[in-house]
Amino acid sequence: MASKALLNLSLGTSSFRALRQARQIYVDKTQLIFDLASQRRKYFLARPRRFGKSLLISTFETLFKNGLEDFCGLAIEKLWKEERTYSVVKFDFSEIKPLFGITKFEKALKDRLIDNFSGLGFSYDPNSTSLFSQLSKWLGEQPANSLV
């Protein structure tokens, strides 16, 4: 009788891609992810701590950035027809520590926005209008549906 290799239990893995590459246990929720992604609406996801929010967001990020590359054997593999991939901007508020006052918080927020969008071609000019004005203008100039 041939023995089947057991998958590893995921403990704190919040990266979908890392989880799949490490062959860790994943409860297939990709049917629900397909349903959410197919509706092209905005959602607010509020769940308790340690409830899988980061893994869910990472799953979306992997799907939009890499297509079905990491979804072999999962429900979405048969459902997802989109062949196009997208530039993804992931904004992690845990990188901004509000403990040091509003001025440092504003600077950290500004730095994160500049860092996250500069990789996609955004260039901030400190001698021009506000960061938010420049970012809004730049985003308006991007092709429709080119960023997620």
N, C-alpha and C. Protein backbone atom coordinates (compact mmCIF):
# COMPACT_ATOMS: atom_id res chain seq x y z
N MET A 1 0.85 -1.17 0.00
CA MET A 1 0.00 0.00 0.00
C MET A 1 0.90 1.23 0.00
N ALA A 2 0.70 2.13 -0.96
CA ALA A 2 1.50 3.35 -1.07
C ALA A 2 1.02 4.36 -0.05
N SER A 3 1.98 4.99 0.61
CA SER A 3 1.60 6.01 1.59
C SER A 3 1.59 7.38 0.92
N LYS A 4 0.63 8.18 1.30
CA LYS A 4 0.48 9.51 0.74
C LYS A 4 1.13 10.49 1.71
N ALA A 5 1.94 11.40 1.20
CA ALA A 5 2.61 12.39 2.06
C ALA A 5 1.57 13.32 2.66
N LEU A 6 1.71 13.55 3.95
CA LEU A 6 0.80 14.47 4.64
C LEU A 6 1.25 15.90 4.43
N LEU A 7 0.27 16.79 4.31
CA LEU A 7 0.57 18.21 4.19
C LEU A 7 0.92 18.76 5.56
N ASN A 8 1.73 19.80 5.57
CA ASN A 8 2.11 20.46 6.82
C ASN A 8 1.00 21.38 7.29
N LEU A 9 0.87 21.50 8.58
CA LEU A 9 -0.10 22.41 9.17
C LEU A 9 0.47 23.82 9.14
N SER A 10 -0.31 24.76 8.66
CA SER A 10 0.11 26.15 8.58
C SER A 10 -0.04 26.80 9.95
N LEU A 11 1.03 27.36 10.44
CA LEU A 11 0.98 28.07 11.72
C LEU A 11 1.44 29.50 11.49
N GLY A 12 0.50 30.39 11.33
CA GLY A 12 0.83 31.81 11.18
C GLY A 12 1.27 32.23 9.80
N THR A 13 1.12 31.39 8.80
CA THR A 13 1.49 31.76 7.43
C THR A 13 0.41 32.67 6.87
N SER A 14 0.78 33.89 6.51
CA SER A 14 -0.21 34.82 5.97
C SER A 14 0.01 35.09 4.49
N SER A 15 0.96 34.40 3.89
CA SER A 15 1.23 34.53 2.46
C SER A 15 0.65 33.31 1.74
N PHE A 16 -0.32 33.53 0.88
CA PHE A 16 -0.94 32.43 0.14
C PHE A 16 0.10 31.68 -0.68
N ARG A 17 0.94 32.43 -1.37
CA ARG A 17 1.94 31.81 -2.24
C ARG A 17 2.91 30.94 -1.42
N ALA A 18 3.38 31.47 -0.29
CA ALA A 18 4.30 30.71 0.57
C ALA A 18 3.61 29.46 1.11
N LEU A 19 2.35 29.59 1.48
CA LEU A 19 1.58 28.46 2.00
C LEU A 19 1.48 27.35 0.95
N ARG A 20 1.16 27.73 -0.26
CA ARG A 20 1.02 26.73 -1.33
C ARG A 20 2.38 26.11 -1.69
N GLN A 21 3.42 26.93 -1.76
CA GLN A 21 4.74 26.41 -2.13
C GLN A 21 5.30 25.50 -1.05
N ALA A 22 4.94 25.74 0.21
CA ALA A 22 5.39 24.89 1.31
C ALA A 22 4.49 23.67 1.49
N ARG A 23 3.49 23.53 0.63
CA ARG A 23 2.53 22.42 0.67
C ARG A 23 1.89 22.31 2.06
N GLN A 24 1.43 23.46 2.56
CA GLN A 24 0.75 23.47 3.84
C GLN A 24 -0.74 23.28 3.63
N ILE A 25 -1.43 22.89 4.66
CA ILE A 25 -2.87 22.67 4.59
C ILE A 25 -3.57 23.99 4.28
N TYR A 26 -4.47 23.95 3.33
CA TYR A 26 -5.27 25.13 2.96
C TYR A 26 -6.71 24.67 2.76
N VAL A 27 -7.62 25.24 3.51
CA VAL A 27 -9.04 24.96 3.31
C VAL A 27 -9.48 25.79 2.12
N ASP A 28 -9.91 25.13 1.07
CA ASP A 28 -10.21 25.80 -0.19
C ASP A 28 -11.42 26.73 -0.07
N LYS A 29 -11.14 28.02 -0.06
CA LYS A 29 -12.20 29.04 -0.03
C LYS A 29 -12.22 29.81 -1.35
N THR A 30 -11.61 29.24 -2.38
CA THR A 30 -11.47 29.99 -3.62
C THR A 30 -12.78 30.16 -4.39
N GLN A 31 -13.78 29.35 -4.13
CA GLN A 31 -15.11 29.57 -4.72
C GLN A 31 -15.65 30.92 -4.21
N LEU A 32 -15.50 31.18 -2.92
CA LEU A 32 -15.95 32.45 -2.34
C LEU A 32 -15.11 33.62 -2.86
N ILE A 33 -13.82 33.39 -3.01
CA ILE A 33 -12.94 34.43 -3.55
C ILE A 33 -13.34 34.76 -4.98
N PHE A 34 -13.66 33.75 -5.76
CA PHE A 34 -14.15 33.97 -7.12
C PHE A 34 -15.43 34.79 -7.10
N ASP A 35 -16.36 34.44 -6.21
CA ASP A 35 -17.62 35.17 -6.11
C ASP A 35 -17.38 36.65 -5.78
N LEU A 36 -16.49 36.92 -4.84
CA LEU A 36 -16.19 38.31 -4.48
C LEU A 36 -15.50 39.06 -5.62
N ALA A 37 -14.51 38.43 -6.24
CA ALA A 37 -13.74 39.08 -7.30
C ALA A 37 -14.58 39.30 -8.56
N SER A 38 -15.57 38.48 -8.78
CA SER A 38 -16.39 38.57 -9.99
C SER A 38 -17.41 39.71 -9.94
N GLN A 39 -17.70 40.20 -8.76
CA GLN A 39 -18.75 41.20 -8.63
C GLN A 39 -18.27 42.63 -8.81
N ARG A 40 -16.98 42.85 -8.80
CA ARG A 40 -16.41 44.19 -9.01
C ARG A 40 -17.06 45.25 -8.14
N ARG A 41 -17.17 44.94 -6.86
CA ARG A 41 -17.71 45.87 -5.89
C ARG A 41 -16.67 46.14 -4.82
N LYS A 42 -16.95 47.09 -3.96
CA LYS A 42 -16.06 47.38 -2.83
C LYS A 42 -16.59 46.64 -1.61
N TYR A 43 -15.68 46.10 -0.82
CA TYR A 43 -16.05 45.37 0.39
C TYR A 43 -15.24 45.88 1.56
N PHE A 44 -15.84 45.86 2.71
CA PHE A 44 -15.14 46.15 3.95
C PHE A 44 -15.11 44.84 4.73
N LEU A 45 -13.91 44.34 4.98
CA LEU A 45 -13.76 43.06 5.67
C LEU A 45 -13.32 43.32 7.11
N ALA A 46 -14.19 43.05 8.03
CA ALA A 46 -13.86 43.22 9.45
C ALA A 46 -14.01 41.86 10.13
N ARG A 47 -12.92 41.37 10.63
CA ARG A 47 -12.90 40.09 11.33
C ARG A 47 -12.01 40.25 12.57
N PRO A 48 -12.17 39.38 13.55
CA PRO A 48 -11.31 39.45 14.74
C PRO A 48 -9.84 39.18 14.39
N ARG A 49 -8.96 39.50 15.31
CA ARG A 49 -7.55 39.21 15.15
C ARG A 49 -7.35 37.71 14.92
N ARG A 50 -6.32 37.39 14.12
CA ARG A 50 -5.95 35.99 13.87
C ARG A 50 -7.07 35.20 13.20
N PHE A 51 -7.84 35.87 12.35
CA PHE A 51 -8.99 35.23 11.72
C PHE A 51 -8.81 35.09 10.21
N GLY A 52 -7.59 35.27 9.70
CA GLY A 52 -7.31 34.99 8.30
C GLY A 52 -7.45 36.15 7.33
N LYS A 53 -7.54 37.38 7.83
CA LYS A 53 -7.69 38.53 6.92
C LYS A 53 -6.47 38.68 6.02
N SER A 54 -5.29 38.58 6.61
CA SER A 54 -4.06 38.75 5.82
C SER A 54 -3.92 37.66 4.76
N LEU A 55 -4.25 36.43 5.11
CA LEU A 55 -4.19 35.34 4.13
C LEU A 55 -5.21 35.56 3.02
N LEU A 56 -6.39 36.04 3.35
CA LEU A 56 -7.40 36.33 2.33
C LEU A 56 -6.91 37.40 1.36
N ILE A 57 -6.36 38.48 1.90
CA ILE A 57 -5.85 39.56 1.05
C ILE A 57 -4.68 39.05 0.20
N SER A 58 -3.81 38.23 0.79
CA SER A 58 -2.70 37.66 0.06
C SER A 58 -3.19 36.75 -1.07
N THR A 59 -4.28 36.05 -0.84
CA THR A 59 -4.85 35.18 -1.87
C THR A 59 -5.34 36.02 -3.05
N PHE A 60 -6.03 37.11 -2.77
CA PHE A 60 -6.45 38.03 -3.84
C PHE A 60 -5.23 38.59 -4.57
N GLU A 61 -4.23 39.02 -3.80
CA GLU A 61 -3.02 39.59 -4.40
C GLU A 61 -2.37 38.58 -5.35
N THR A 62 -2.23 37.34 -4.91
CA THR A 62 -1.62 36.29 -5.73
C THR A 62 -2.44 36.04 -7.00
N LEU A 63 -3.75 36.00 -6.86
CA LEU A 63 -4.63 35.75 -8.01
C LEU A 63 -4.49 36.86 -9.05
N PHE A 64 -4.54 38.11 -8.61
CA PHE A 64 -4.48 39.22 -9.57
C PHE A 64 -3.08 39.44 -10.13
N LYS A 65 -2.05 39.20 -9.35
CA LYS A 65 -0.67 39.40 -9.80
C LYS A 65 -0.18 38.27 -10.70
N ASN A 66 -0.53 37.02 -10.33
CA ASN A 66 0.07 35.86 -11.00
C ASN A 66 -0.93 34.98 -11.72
N GLY A 67 -2.19 35.35 -11.72
CA GLY A 67 -3.19 34.49 -12.34
C GLY A 67 -3.34 33.19 -11.57
N LEU A 68 -3.58 32.11 -12.25
CA LEU A 68 -3.86 30.82 -11.62
C LEU A 68 -2.61 30.01 -11.27
N GLU A 69 -1.46 30.61 -11.41
CA GLU A 69 -0.18 29.93 -11.19
C GLU A 69 -0.11 29.11 -9.90
N ASP A 70 -0.64 29.63 -8.80
CA ASP A 70 -0.55 28.96 -7.50
C ASP A 70 -1.86 28.30 -7.07
N PHE A 71 -2.81 28.15 -7.97
CA PHE A 71 -4.14 27.68 -7.60
C PHE A 71 -4.47 26.28 -8.13
N CYS A 72 -3.45 25.53 -8.50
CA CYS A 72 -3.65 24.19 -9.04
C CYS A 72 -4.42 23.31 -8.05
N GLY A 73 -5.49 22.70 -8.53
CA GLY A 73 -6.29 21.80 -7.72
C GLY A 73 -7.33 22.47 -6.85
N LEU A 74 -7.44 23.78 -6.92
CA LEU A 74 -8.43 24.50 -6.12
C LEU A 74 -9.64 24.86 -6.99
N ALA A 75 -10.75 25.13 -6.36
CA ALA A 75 -12.01 25.38 -7.08
C ALA A 75 -11.90 26.50 -8.11
N ILE A 76 -11.17 27.54 -7.79
CA ILE A 76 -11.10 28.70 -8.68
C ILE A 76 -10.40 28.37 -10.00
N GLU A 77 -9.61 27.32 -10.00
CA GLU A 77 -8.90 26.93 -11.22
C GLU A 77 -9.87 26.67 -12.38
N LYS A 78 -11.04 26.12 -12.06
CA LYS A 78 -12.04 25.83 -13.09
C LYS A 78 -12.97 27.01 -13.36
N LEU A 79 -13.01 27.97 -12.44
CA LEU A 79 -13.95 29.08 -12.53
C LEU A 79 -13.35 30.34 -13.16
N TRP A 80 -12.10 30.62 -12.87
CA TRP A 80 -11.46 31.88 -13.25
C TRP A 80 -11.07 31.84 -14.72
N LYS A 81 -11.63 32.73 -15.51
CA LYS A 81 -11.36 32.76 -16.96
C LYS A 81 -10.44 33.92 -17.35
N GLU A 82 -10.18 34.82 -16.41
CA GLU A 82 -9.34 36.00 -16.65
C GLU A 82 -7.89 35.56 -16.88
N GLU A 83 -7.33 35.91 -18.02
CA GLU A 83 -5.94 35.56 -18.30
C GLU A 83 -5.00 36.73 -18.00
N ARG A 84 -5.57 37.90 -17.92
CA ARG A 84 -4.80 39.10 -17.66
C ARG A 84 -4.34 39.14 -16.20
N THR A 85 -3.15 39.66 -15.96
CA THR A 85 -2.68 39.91 -14.60
C THR A 85 -2.62 41.42 -14.39
N TYR A 86 -2.51 41.83 -13.15
CA TYR A 86 -2.60 43.24 -12.80
C TYR A 86 -1.47 43.66 -11.89
N SER A 87 -1.18 44.95 -11.90
CA SER A 87 -0.29 45.52 -10.89
C SER A 87 -1.11 45.62 -9.61
N VAL A 88 -0.54 45.21 -8.51
CA VAL A 88 -1.25 45.21 -7.23
C VAL A 88 -0.53 46.13 -6.26
N VAL A 89 -1.28 47.00 -5.63
CA VAL A 89 -0.72 47.85 -4.58
C VAL A 89 -1.26 47.32 -3.27
N LYS A 90 -0.36 46.84 -2.44
CA LYS A 90 -0.75 46.30 -1.14
C LYS A 90 -0.33 47.32 -0.09
N PHE A 91 -1.29 47.78 0.65
CA PHE A 91 -1.03 48.80 1.66
C PHE A 91 -1.29 48.21 3.03
N ASP A 92 -0.23 48.07 3.83
CA ASP A 92 -0.30 47.43 5.13
C ASP A 92 -0.21 48.48 6.23
N PHE A 93 -1.34 48.77 6.88
CA PHE A 93 -1.37 49.78 7.91
C PHE A 93 -0.57 49.38 9.15
N SER A 94 -0.24 48.11 9.29
CA SER A 94 0.56 47.71 10.45
C SER A 94 1.99 48.24 10.35
N GLU A 95 2.38 48.71 9.16
CA GLU A 95 3.70 49.29 8.98
C GLU A 95 3.78 50.71 9.53
N ILE A 96 2.64 51.28 9.86
CA ILE A 96 2.58 52.65 10.36
C ILE A 96 2.24 52.61 11.85
N LYS A 97 3.15 53.09 12.64
CA LYS A 97 2.96 53.07 14.09
C LYS A 97 2.45 54.44 14.57
N PRO A 98 1.22 54.50 15.07
CA PRO A 98 0.64 55.79 15.49
C PRO A 98 1.08 56.23 16.89
N LEU A 99 1.99 55.51 17.50
CA LEU A 99 2.36 55.77 18.89
C LEU A 99 3.20 57.02 19.10
N PHE A 100 3.74 57.59 18.06
CA PHE A 100 4.69 58.68 18.21
C PHE A 100 4.12 60.04 17.82
N GLY A 101 2.81 60.17 17.79
CA GLY A 101 2.19 61.46 17.50
C GLY A 101 1.74 61.59 16.06
N ILE A 102 0.89 62.58 15.85
CA ILE A 102 0.26 62.77 14.55
C ILE A 102 1.26 63.15 13.46
N THR A 103 2.27 63.95 13.80
CA THR A 103 3.25 64.39 12.80
C THR A 103 4.03 63.20 12.26
N LYS A 104 4.50 62.32 13.14
CA LYS A 104 5.24 61.14 12.69
C LYS A 104 4.33 60.16 11.96
N PHE A 105 3.08 60.08 12.40
CA PHE A 105 2.12 59.22 11.71
C PHE A 105 1.91 59.72 10.28
N GLU A 106 1.71 61.03 10.11
CA GLU A 106 1.50 61.59 8.77
C GLU A 106 2.71 61.34 7.87
N LYS A 107 3.91 61.51 8.42
CA LYS A 107 5.12 61.27 7.63
C LYS A 107 5.23 59.80 7.23
N ALA A 108 4.95 58.91 8.18
CA ALA A 108 5.02 57.48 7.88
C ALA A 108 3.98 57.10 6.82
N LEU A 109 2.78 57.64 6.92
CA LEU A 109 1.74 57.38 5.92
C LEU A 109 2.17 57.87 4.55
N LYS A 110 2.70 59.07 4.51
CA LYS A 110 3.17 59.65 3.25
C LYS A 110 4.29 58.79 2.65
N ASP A 111 5.25 58.39 3.50
CA ASP A 111 6.35 57.54 3.02
C ASP A 111 5.85 56.21 2.47
N ARG A 112 4.89 55.58 3.14
CA ARG A 112 4.35 54.30 2.68
C ARG A 112 3.65 54.47 1.33
N LEU A 113 2.87 55.54 1.19
CA LEU A 113 2.18 55.78 -0.08
C LEU A 113 3.18 55.98 -1.22
N ILE A 114 4.20 56.79 -0.98
CA ILE A 114 5.22 57.04 -2.01
C ILE A 114 5.93 55.74 -2.36
N ASP A 115 6.36 54.99 -1.35
CA ASP A 115 7.06 53.72 -1.59
C ASP A 115 6.20 52.72 -2.36
N ASN A 116 4.94 52.58 -1.96
CA ASN A 116 4.08 51.57 -2.58
C ASN A 116 3.71 51.91 -4.02
N PHE A 117 3.59 53.17 -4.35
CA PHE A 117 3.19 53.54 -5.70
C PHE A 117 4.38 53.84 -6.62
N SER A 118 5.55 54.13 -6.06
CA SER A 118 6.70 54.46 -6.91
C SER A 118 7.14 53.27 -7.75
N GLY A 119 6.95 52.07 -7.24
CA GLY A 119 7.30 50.88 -8.00
C GLY A 119 6.46 50.69 -9.26
N LEU A 120 5.36 51.43 -9.33
CA LEU A 120 4.47 51.34 -10.50
C LEU A 120 4.61 52.55 -11.43
N GLY A 121 5.56 53.42 -11.11
CA GLY A 121 5.81 54.56 -11.98
C GLY A 121 5.40 55.91 -11.41
N PHE A 122 4.82 55.94 -10.23
CA PHE A 122 4.44 57.21 -9.62
C PHE A 122 5.69 57.92 -9.11
N SER A 123 5.78 59.22 -9.37
CA SER A 123 6.91 60.00 -8.90
C SER A 123 6.39 61.23 -8.16
N TYR A 124 6.73 61.31 -6.89
CA TYR A 124 6.28 62.41 -6.05
C TYR A 124 7.22 63.60 -6.17
N ASP A 125 6.67 64.79 -6.37
CA ASP A 125 7.44 66.02 -6.43
C ASP A 125 7.10 66.85 -5.21
N PRO A 126 8.02 66.93 -4.23
CA PRO A 126 7.74 67.67 -3.00
C PRO A 126 7.55 69.17 -3.21
N ASN A 127 7.93 69.69 -4.38
CA ASN A 127 7.79 71.12 -4.67
C ASN A 127 6.49 71.43 -5.41
N SER A 128 5.66 70.42 -5.61
CA SER A 128 4.40 70.61 -6.32
C SER A 128 3.24 70.57 -5.33
N THR A 129 2.09 70.16 -5.78
CA THR A 129 0.90 70.06 -4.93
C THR A 129 1.07 68.96 -3.90
N SER A 130 0.07 68.75 -3.08
CA SER A 130 0.15 67.74 -2.02
C SER A 130 0.32 66.34 -2.61
N LEU A 131 0.82 65.44 -1.79
CA LEU A 131 0.97 64.05 -2.21
C LEU A 131 -0.36 63.48 -2.70
N PHE A 132 -1.43 63.75 -1.96
CA PHE A 132 -2.73 63.18 -2.33
C PHE A 132 -3.22 63.73 -3.66
N SER A 133 -2.97 65.01 -3.93
CA SER A 133 -3.35 65.59 -5.22
C SER A 133 -2.57 64.95 -6.35
N GLN A 134 -1.26 64.81 -6.14
CA GLN A 134 -0.41 64.21 -7.17
C GLN A 134 -0.78 62.75 -7.41
N LEU A 135 -1.02 62.03 -6.33
CA LEU A 135 -1.38 60.61 -6.45
C LEU A 135 -2.72 60.45 -7.14
N SER A 136 -3.69 61.28 -6.78
CA SER A 136 -5.01 61.24 -7.41
C SER A 136 -4.91 61.52 -8.91
N LYS A 137 -4.12 62.53 -9.27
CA LYS A 137 -3.94 62.86 -10.70
C LYS A 137 -3.28 61.70 -11.44
N TRP A 138 -2.22 61.13 -10.83
CA TRP A 138 -1.51 60.02 -11.45
C TRP A 138 -2.43 58.82 -11.63
N LEU A 139 -3.20 58.49 -10.61
CA LEU A 139 -4.13 57.36 -10.70
C LEU A 139 -5.16 57.59 -11.80
N GLY A 140 -5.63 58.82 -11.94
CA GLY A 140 -6.59 59.15 -13.00
C GLY A 140 -6.02 58.99 -14.39
N GLU A 141 -4.71 59.06 -14.51
CA GLU A 141 -4.05 58.92 -15.81
C GLU A 141 -3.74 57.47 -16.17
N GLN A 142 -3.92 56.55 -15.22
CA GLN A 142 -3.63 55.13 -15.48
C GLN A 142 -4.74 54.51 -16.29
N PRO A 143 -4.41 53.53 -17.13
CA PRO A 143 -5.45 52.83 -17.89
C PRO A 143 -6.49 52.22 -16.95
N ALA A 144 -7.74 52.22 -17.37
CA ALA A 144 -8.82 51.63 -16.56
C ALA A 144 -8.50 50.19 -16.20
N ASN A 145 -8.78 49.84 -14.97
CA ASN A 145 -8.58 48.47 -14.46
C ASN A 145 -7.14 47.97 -14.57
N SER A 146 -6.17 48.88 -14.50
CA SER A 146 -4.78 48.44 -14.57
C SER A 146 -4.19 48.18 -13.19
N LEU A 147 -4.84 48.69 -12.15
CA LEU A 147 -4.37 48.50 -10.78
C LEU A 147 -5.47 47.88 -9.96
N VAL A 148 -5.07 47.03 -9.00
CA VAL A 148 -6.02 46.51 -8.02
C VAL A 148 -5.47 46.76 -6.64
